[in-house]
Amino acid sequence: MNRDEWIAAFAAELGVQAPTPAQVESLLKLASVAAHSSERPAAPLACWVAGVAGVDSAALMAAAERVNQQA
């Protein structure tokens, strides 16, 4: 099972739609920024916060950049 198949099955198990290809790209970019700006475990945690926040990808990246400027 590849990444996309696993995510689709996980989303189905939870009763939600899997992310679109654009959403996947945005989340992976966010994870990369978090992991490279802090410690690697920040990546999945940042994605969890993004999901809870429910904001669009532009707002997520803007917030990540503001955090990077504070560091």
PDB file of N, CA and C in Angstrom:
ATOM      1  N   MET A   1       0.849  -1.169   0.000  1.00  0.00           N
ATOM      2  CA  MET A   1       0.000   0.000   0.000  1.00  0.00           C
ATOM      3  C   MET A   1       0.901   1.240   0.000  1.00  0.00           C
ATOM      4  N   ASN A   2       0.651   2.142  -0.958  1.00  0.00           N
ATOM      5  CA  ASN A   2       1.472   3.352  -1.003  1.00  0.00           C
ATOM      6  C   ASN A   2       0.887   4.434  -0.094  1.00  0.00           C
ATOM      7  N   ARG A   3       1.552   5.561  -0.039  1.00  0.00           N
ATOM      8  CA  ARG A   3       1.142   6.652   0.842  1.00  0.00           C
ATOM      9  C   ARG A   3      -0.296   7.092   0.594  1.00  0.00           C
ATOM     10  N   ASP A   4      -0.629   7.351  -0.662  1.00  0.00           N
ATOM     11  CA  ASP A   4      -1.962   7.850  -0.988  1.00  0.00           C
ATOM     12  C   ASP A   4      -3.052   6.832  -0.687  1.00  0.00           C
ATOM     13  N   GLU A   5      -2.768   5.566  -0.951  1.00  0.00           N
ATOM     14  CA  GLU A   5      -3.729   4.511  -0.632  1.00  0.00           C
ATOM     15  C   GLU A   5      -3.946   4.414   0.875  1.00  0.00           C
ATOM     16  N   TRP A   6      -2.843   4.522   1.631  1.00  0.00           N
ATOM     17  CA  TRP A   6      -2.952   4.438   3.093  1.00  0.00           C
ATOM     18  C   TRP A   6      -3.764   5.607   3.633  1.00  0.00           C
ATOM     19  N   ILE A   7      -3.478   6.801   3.146  1.00  0.00           N
ATOM     20  CA  ILE A   7      -4.212   7.989   3.600  1.00  0.00           C
ATOM     21  C   ILE A   7      -5.691   7.881   3.232  1.00  0.00           C
ATOM     22  N   ALA A   8      -5.995   7.404   2.040  1.00  0.00           N
ATOM     23  CA  ALA A   8      -7.393   7.240   1.618  1.00  0.00           C
ATOM     24  C   ALA A   8      -8.108   6.236   2.518  1.00  0.00           C
ATOM     25  N   ALA A   9      -7.441   5.133   2.832  1.00  0.00           N
ATOM     26  CA  ALA A   9      -8.052   4.130   3.704  1.00  0.00           C
ATOM     27  C   ALA A   9      -8.218   4.667   5.125  1.00  0.00           C
ATOM     28  N   PHE A  10      -7.257   5.404   5.614  1.00  0.00           N
ATOM     29  CA  PHE A  10      -7.329   6.002   6.946  1.00  0.00           C
ATOM     30  C   PHE A  10      -8.480   7.007   7.011  1.00  0.00           C
ATOM     31  N   ALA A  11      -8.576   7.858   5.989  1.00  0.00           N
ATOM     32  CA  ALA A  11      -9.656   8.838   5.939  1.00  0.00           C
ATOM     33  C   ALA A  11     -11.018   8.135   5.901  1.00  0.00           C
ATOM     34  N   ALA A  12     -11.124   7.091   5.103  1.00  0.00           N
ATOM     35  CA  ALA A  12     -12.379   6.346   5.023  1.00  0.00           C
ATOM     36  C   ALA A  12     -12.734   5.724   6.362  1.00  0.00           C
ATOM     37  N   GLU A  13     -11.750   5.205   7.038  1.00  0.00           N
ATOM     38  CA  GLU A  13     -11.965   4.600   8.362  1.00  0.00           C
ATOM     39  C   GLU A  13     -12.513   5.629   9.348  1.00  0.00           C
ATOM     40  N   LEU A  14     -12.077   6.873   9.196  1.00  0.00           N
ATOM     41  CA  LEU A  14     -12.518   7.942  10.085  1.00  0.00           C
ATOM     42  C   LEU A  14     -13.782   8.643   9.585  1.00  0.00           C
ATOM     43  N   GLY A  15     -14.231   8.277   8.400  1.00  0.00           N
ATOM     44  CA  GLY A  15     -15.444   8.869   7.855  1.00  0.00           C
ATOM     45  C   GLY A  15     -15.274  10.270   7.309  1.00  0.00           C
ATOM     46  N   VAL A  16     -14.061  10.580   6.844  1.00  0.00           N
ATOM     47  CA  VAL A  16     -13.799  11.889   6.246  1.00  0.00           C
ATOM     48  C   VAL A  16     -13.195  11.688   4.862  1.00  0.00           C
ATOM     49  N   GLN A  17     -13.176  12.758   4.082  1.00  0.00           N
ATOM     50  CA  GLN A  17     -12.566  12.678   2.763  1.00  0.00           C
ATOM     51  C   GLN A  17     -11.059  12.769   2.879  1.00  0.00           C
ATOM     52  N   ALA A  18     -10.380  12.036   2.024  1.00  0.00           N
ATOM     53  CA  ALA A  18      -8.922  12.126   1.952  1.00  0.00           C
ATOM     54  C   ALA A  18      -8.541  13.489   1.384  1.00  0.00           C
ATOM     55  N   PRO A  19      -7.355  13.978   1.719  1.00  0.00           N
ATOM     56  CA  PRO A  19      -6.931  15.270   1.184  1.00  0.00           C
ATOM     57  C   PRO A  19      -6.754  15.212  -0.334  1.00  0.00           C
ATOM     58  N   THR A  20      -7.016  16.332  -0.961  1.00  0.00           N
ATOM     59  CA  THR A  20      -6.794  16.452  -2.405  1.00  0.00           C
ATOM     60  C   THR A  20      -5.289  16.484  -2.663  1.00  0.00           C
ATOM     61  N   PRO A  21      -4.872  16.278  -3.904  1.00  0.00           N
ATOM     62  CA  PRO A  21      -3.437  16.395  -4.202  1.00  0.00           C
ATOM     63  C   PRO A  21      -2.861  17.758  -3.788  1.00  0.00           C
ATOM     64  N   ALA A  22      -3.610  18.825  -3.968  1.00  0.00           N
ATOM     65  CA  ALA A  22      -3.122  20.157  -3.567  1.00  0.00           C
ATOM     66  C   ALA A  22      -2.990  20.250  -2.053  1.00  0.00           C
ATOM     67  N   GLN A  23      -3.935  19.664  -1.331  1.00  0.00           N
ATOM     68  CA  GLN A  23      -3.858  19.670   0.133  1.00  0.00           C
ATOM     69  C   GLN A  23      -2.674  18.833   0.614  1.00  0.00           C
ATOM     70  N   VAL A  24      -2.442  17.708  -0.039  1.00  0.00           N
ATOM     71  CA  VAL A  24      -1.287  16.872   0.312  1.00  0.00           C
ATOM     72  C   VAL A  24      -0.004  17.668   0.136  1.00  0.00           C
ATOM     73  N   GLU A  25       0.119  18.350  -0.996  1.00  0.00           N
ATOM     74  CA  GLU A  25       1.320  19.149  -1.261  1.00  0.00           C
ATOM     75  C   GLU A  25       1.506  20.233  -0.196  1.00  0.00           C
ATOM     76  N   SER A  26       0.425  20.911   0.168  1.00  0.00           N
ATOM     77  CA  SER A  26       0.498  21.968   1.181  1.00  0.00           C
ATOM     78  C   SER A  26       0.894  21.412   2.546  1.00  0.00           C
ATOM     79  N   LEU A  27       0.298  20.285   2.917  1.00  0.00           N
ATOM     80  CA  LEU A  27       0.632  19.687   4.214  1.00  0.00           C
ATOM     81  C   LEU A  27       2.081  19.209   4.255  1.00  0.00           C
ATOM     82  N   LEU A  28       2.546  18.633   3.154  1.00  0.00           N
ATOM     83  CA  LEU A  28       3.942  18.182   3.122  1.00  0.00           C
ATOM     84  C   LEU A  28       4.903  19.362   3.185  1.00  0.00           C
ATOM     85  N   LYS A  29       4.527  20.470   2.549  1.00  0.00           N
ATOM     86  CA  LYS A  29       5.363  21.679   2.625  1.00  0.00           C
ATOM     87  C   LYS A  29       5.391  22.210   4.057  1.00  0.00           C
ATOM     88  N   LEU A  30       4.218  22.244   4.704  1.00  0.00           N
ATOM     89  CA  LEU A  30       4.161  22.673   6.095  1.00  0.00           C
ATOM     90  C   LEU A  30       5.013  21.766   6.975  1.00  0.00           C
ATOM     91  N   ALA A  31       4.901  20.462   6.782  1.00  0.00           N
ATOM     92  CA  ALA A  31       5.686  19.511   7.565  1.00  0.00           C
ATOM     93  C   ALA A  31       7.180  19.732   7.358  1.00  0.00           C
ATOM     94  N   SER A  32       7.564  20.024   6.124  1.00  0.00           N
ATOM     95  CA  SER A  32       8.972  20.281   5.826  1.00  0.00           C
ATOM     96  C   SER A  32       9.472  21.529   6.542  1.00  0.00           C
ATOM     97  N   VAL A  33       8.678  22.588   6.493  1.00  0.00           N
ATOM     98  CA  VAL A  33       9.063  23.831   7.177  1.00  0.00           C
ATOM     99  C   VAL A  33       9.209  23.579   8.670  1.00  0.00           C
ATOM    100  N   ALA A  34       8.240  22.895   9.251  1.00  0.00           N
ATOM    101  CA  ALA A  34       8.290  22.625  10.695  1.00  0.00           C
ATOM    102  C   ALA A  34       9.499  21.769  11.059  1.00  0.00           C
ATOM    103  N   ALA A  35       9.749  20.733  10.288  1.00  0.00           N
ATOM    104  CA  ALA A  35      10.853  19.817  10.601  1.00  0.00           C
ATOM    105  C   ALA A  35      12.217  20.480  10.445  1.00  0.00           C
ATOM    106  N   HIS A  36      12.331  21.344   9.450  1.00  0.00           N
ATOM    107  CA  HIS A  36      13.625  21.972   9.205  1.00  0.00           C
ATOM    108  C   HIS A  36      13.848  23.235  10.034  1.00  0.00           C
ATOM    109  N   SER A  37      12.782  23.758  10.618  1.00  0.00           N
ATOM    110  CA  SER A  37      12.912  24.961  11.439  1.00  0.00           C
ATOM    111  C   SER A  37      13.030  24.636  12.920  1.00  0.00           C
ATOM    112  N   SER A  38      12.739  23.410  13.266  1.00  0.00           N
ATOM    113  CA  SER A  38      12.738  22.991  14.667  1.00  0.00           C
ATOM    114  C   SER A  38      13.315  21.588  14.732  1.00  0.00           C
ATOM    115  N   GLU A  39      12.619  20.714  15.399  1.00  0.00           N
ATOM    116  CA  GLU A  39      12.996  19.303  15.465  1.00  0.00           C
ATOM    117  C   GLU A  39      12.036  18.517  14.590  1.00  0.00           C
ATOM    118  N   ARG A  40      12.468  17.380  14.106  1.00  0.00           N
ATOM    119  CA  ARG A  40      11.628  16.564  13.220  1.00  0.00           C
ATOM    120  C   ARG A  40      10.234  16.275  13.778  1.00  0.00           C
ATOM    121  N   PRO A  41      10.085  15.979  15.071  1.00  0.00           N
ATOM    122  CA  PRO A  41       8.738  15.709  15.581  1.00  0.00           C
ATOM    123  C   PRO A  41       7.774  16.887  15.442  1.00  0.00           C
ATOM    124  N   ALA A  42       8.288  18.074  15.149  1.00  0.00           N
ATOM    125  CA  ALA A  42       7.397  19.222  14.942  1.00  0.00           C
ATOM    126  C   ALA A  42       6.539  19.043  13.698  1.00  0.00           C
ATOM    127  N   ALA A  43       6.997  18.263  12.727  1.00  0.00           N
ATOM    128  CA  ALA A  43       6.263  18.107  11.468  1.00  0.00           C
ATOM    129  C   ALA A  43       4.882  17.489  11.657  1.00  0.00           C
ATOM    130  N   PRO A  44       4.774  16.292  12.238  1.00  0.00           N
ATOM    131  CA  PRO A  44       3.420  15.737  12.391  1.00  0.00           C
ATOM    132  C   PRO A  44       2.566  16.540  13.368  1.00  0.00           C
ATOM    133  N   LEU A  45       3.199  17.127  14.353  1.00  0.00           N
ATOM    134  CA  LEU A  45       2.438  17.934  15.311  1.00  0.00           C
ATOM    135  C   LEU A  45       1.900  19.201  14.650  1.00  0.00           C
ATOM    136  N   ALA A  46       2.691  19.815  13.787  1.00  0.00           N
ATOM    137  CA  ALA A  46       2.225  20.999  13.055  1.00  0.00           C
ATOM    138  C   ALA A  46       1.048  20.635  12.151  1.00  0.00           C
ATOM    139  N   CYS A  47       1.107  19.460  11.531  1.00  0.00           N
ATOM    140  CA  CYS A  47      -0.001  19.030  10.677  1.00  0.00           C
ATOM    141  C   CYS A  47      -1.256  18.768  11.502  1.00  0.00           C
ATOM    142  N   TRP A  48      -1.101  18.254  12.701  1.00  0.00           N
ATOM    143  CA  TRP A  48      -2.260  18.053  13.583  1.00  0.00           C
ATOM    144  C   TRP A  48      -2.872  19.408  13.941  1.00  0.00           C
ATOM    145  N   VAL A  49      -2.030  20.367  14.321  1.00  0.00           N
ATOM    146  CA  VAL A  49      -2.515  21.704  14.651  1.00  0.00           C
ATOM    147  C   VAL A  49      -3.221  22.313  13.435  1.00  0.00           C
ATOM    148  N   ALA A  50      -2.664  22.115  12.241  1.00  0.00           N
ATOM    149  CA  ALA A  50      -3.284  22.624  11.023  1.00  0.00           C
ATOM    150  C   ALA A  50      -4.679  22.042  10.837  1.00  0.00           C
ATOM    151  N   GLY A  51      -4.825  20.758  11.086  1.00  0.00           N
ATOM    152  CA  GLY A  51      -6.129  20.123  10.957  1.00  0.00           C
ATOM    153  C   GLY A  51      -7.136  20.652  11.953  1.00  0.00           C
ATOM    154  N   VAL A  52      -6.689  20.860  13.172  1.00  0.00           N
ATOM    155  CA  VAL A  52      -7.576  21.385  14.211  1.00  0.00           C
ATOM    156  C   VAL A  52      -7.953  22.834  13.912  1.00  0.00           C
ATOM    157  N   ALA A  53      -6.999  23.594  13.382  1.00  0.00           N
ATOM    158  CA  ALA A  53      -7.246  25.013  13.097  1.00  0.00           C
ATOM    159  C   ALA A  53      -8.270  25.196  11.983  1.00  0.00           C
ATOM    160  N   GLY A  54      -8.254  24.305  11.014  1.00  0.00           N
ATOM    161  CA  GLY A  54      -9.221  24.377   9.934  1.00  0.00           C
ATOM    162  C   GLY A  54      -9.093  25.601   9.046  1.00  0.00           C
ATOM    163  N   VAL A  55      -7.881  26.099   8.876  1.00  0.00           N
ATOM    164  CA  VAL A  55      -7.670  27.262   8.010  1.00  0.00           C
ATOM    165  C   VAL A  55      -7.027  26.825   6.699  1.00  0.00           C
ATOM    166  N   ASP A  56      -7.061  27.702   5.694  1.00  0.00           N
ATOM    167  CA  ASP A  56      -6.521  27.324   4.389  1.00  0.00           C
ATOM    168  C   ASP A  56      -4.993  27.287   4.395  1.00  0.00           C
ATOM    169  N   SER A  57      -4.450  26.711   3.329  1.00  0.00           N
ATOM    170  CA  SER A  57      -3.007  26.500   3.268  1.00  0.00           C
ATOM    171  C   SER A  57      -2.209  27.796   3.275  1.00  0.00           C
ATOM    172  N   ALA A  58      -2.737  28.849   2.676  1.00  0.00           N
ATOM    173  CA  ALA A  58      -2.022  30.133   2.683  1.00  0.00           C
ATOM    174  C   ALA A  58      -1.889  30.657   4.108  1.00  0.00           C
ATOM    175  N   ALA A  59      -2.951  30.538   4.898  1.00  0.00           N
ATOM    176  CA  ALA A  59      -2.900  30.985   6.295  1.00  0.00           C
ATOM    177  C   ALA A  59      -1.937  30.116   7.105  1.00  0.00           C
ATOM    178  N   LEU A  60      -1.906  28.833   6.808  1.00  0.00           N
ATOM    179  CA  LEU A  60      -0.980  27.939   7.517  1.00  0.00           C
ATOM    180  C   LEU A  60       0.463  28.324   7.254  1.00  0.00           C
ATOM    181  N   MET A  61       0.788  28.551   5.986  1.00  0.00           N
ATOM    182  CA  MET A  61       2.163  28.894   5.649  1.00  0.00           C
ATOM    183  C   MET A  61       2.544  30.263   6.191  1.00  0.00           C
ATOM    184  N   ALA A  62       1.611  31.203   6.178  1.00  0.00           N
ATOM    185  CA  ALA A  62       1.892  32.532   6.738  1.00  0.00           C
ATOM    186  C   ALA A  62       2.181  32.422   8.227  1.00  0.00           C
ATOM    187  N   ALA A  63       1.411  31.604   8.922  1.00  0.00           N
ATOM    188  CA  ALA A  63       1.647  31.409  10.357  1.00  0.00           C
ATOM    189  C   ALA A  63       3.002  30.748  10.592  1.00  0.00           C
ATOM    190  N   ALA A  64       3.336  29.755   9.774  1.00  0.00           N
ATOM    191  CA  ALA A  64       4.628  29.075   9.918  1.00  0.00           C
ATOM    192  C   ALA A  64       5.778  30.049   9.691  1.00  0.00           C
ATOM    193  N   GLU A  65       5.639  30.922   8.715  1.00  0.00           N
ATOM    194  CA  GLU A  65       6.686  31.913   8.443  1.00  0.00           C
ATOM    195  C   GLU A  65       6.817  32.900   9.601  1.00  0.00           C
ATOM    196  N   ARG A  66       5.697  33.312  10.200  1.00  0.00           N
ATOM    197  CA  ARG A  66       5.773  34.215  11.349  1.00  0.00           C
ATOM    198  C   ARG A  66       6.493  33.539  12.503  1.00  0.00           C
ATOM    199  N   VAL A  67       6.211  32.269  12.722  1.00  0.00           N
ATOM    200  CA  VAL A  67       6.898  31.525  13.787  1.00  0.00           C
ATOM    201  C   VAL A  67       8.395  31.457  13.486  1.00  0.00           C
ATOM    202  N   ASN A  68       8.758  31.210  12.235  1.00  0.00           N
ATOM    203  CA  ASN A  68      10.171  31.148  11.864  1.00  0.00           C
ATOM    204  C   ASN A  68      10.873  32.476  12.112  1.00  0.00           C
ATOM    205  N   GLN A  69      10.189  33.578  11.901  1.00  0.00           N
ATOM    206  CA  GLN A  69      10.771  34.896  12.125  1.00  0.00           C
ATOM    207  C   GLN A  69      11.015  35.158  13.610  1.00  0.00           C
ATOM    208  N   GLN A  70      10.235  34.532  14.463  1.00  0.00           N
ATOM    209  CA  GLN A  70      10.393  34.702  15.906  1.00  0.00           C
ATOM    210  C   GLN A  70      11.566  33.889  16.445  1.00  0.00           C
ATOM    211  N   ALA A  71      11.957  32.888  15.707  1.00  0.00           N
ATOM    212  CA  ALA A  71      13.021  31.979  16.186  1.00  0.00           C
ATOM    213  C   ALA A  71      14.390  32.598  16.054  1.00  0.00           C
TER     214      ALA A  71
END
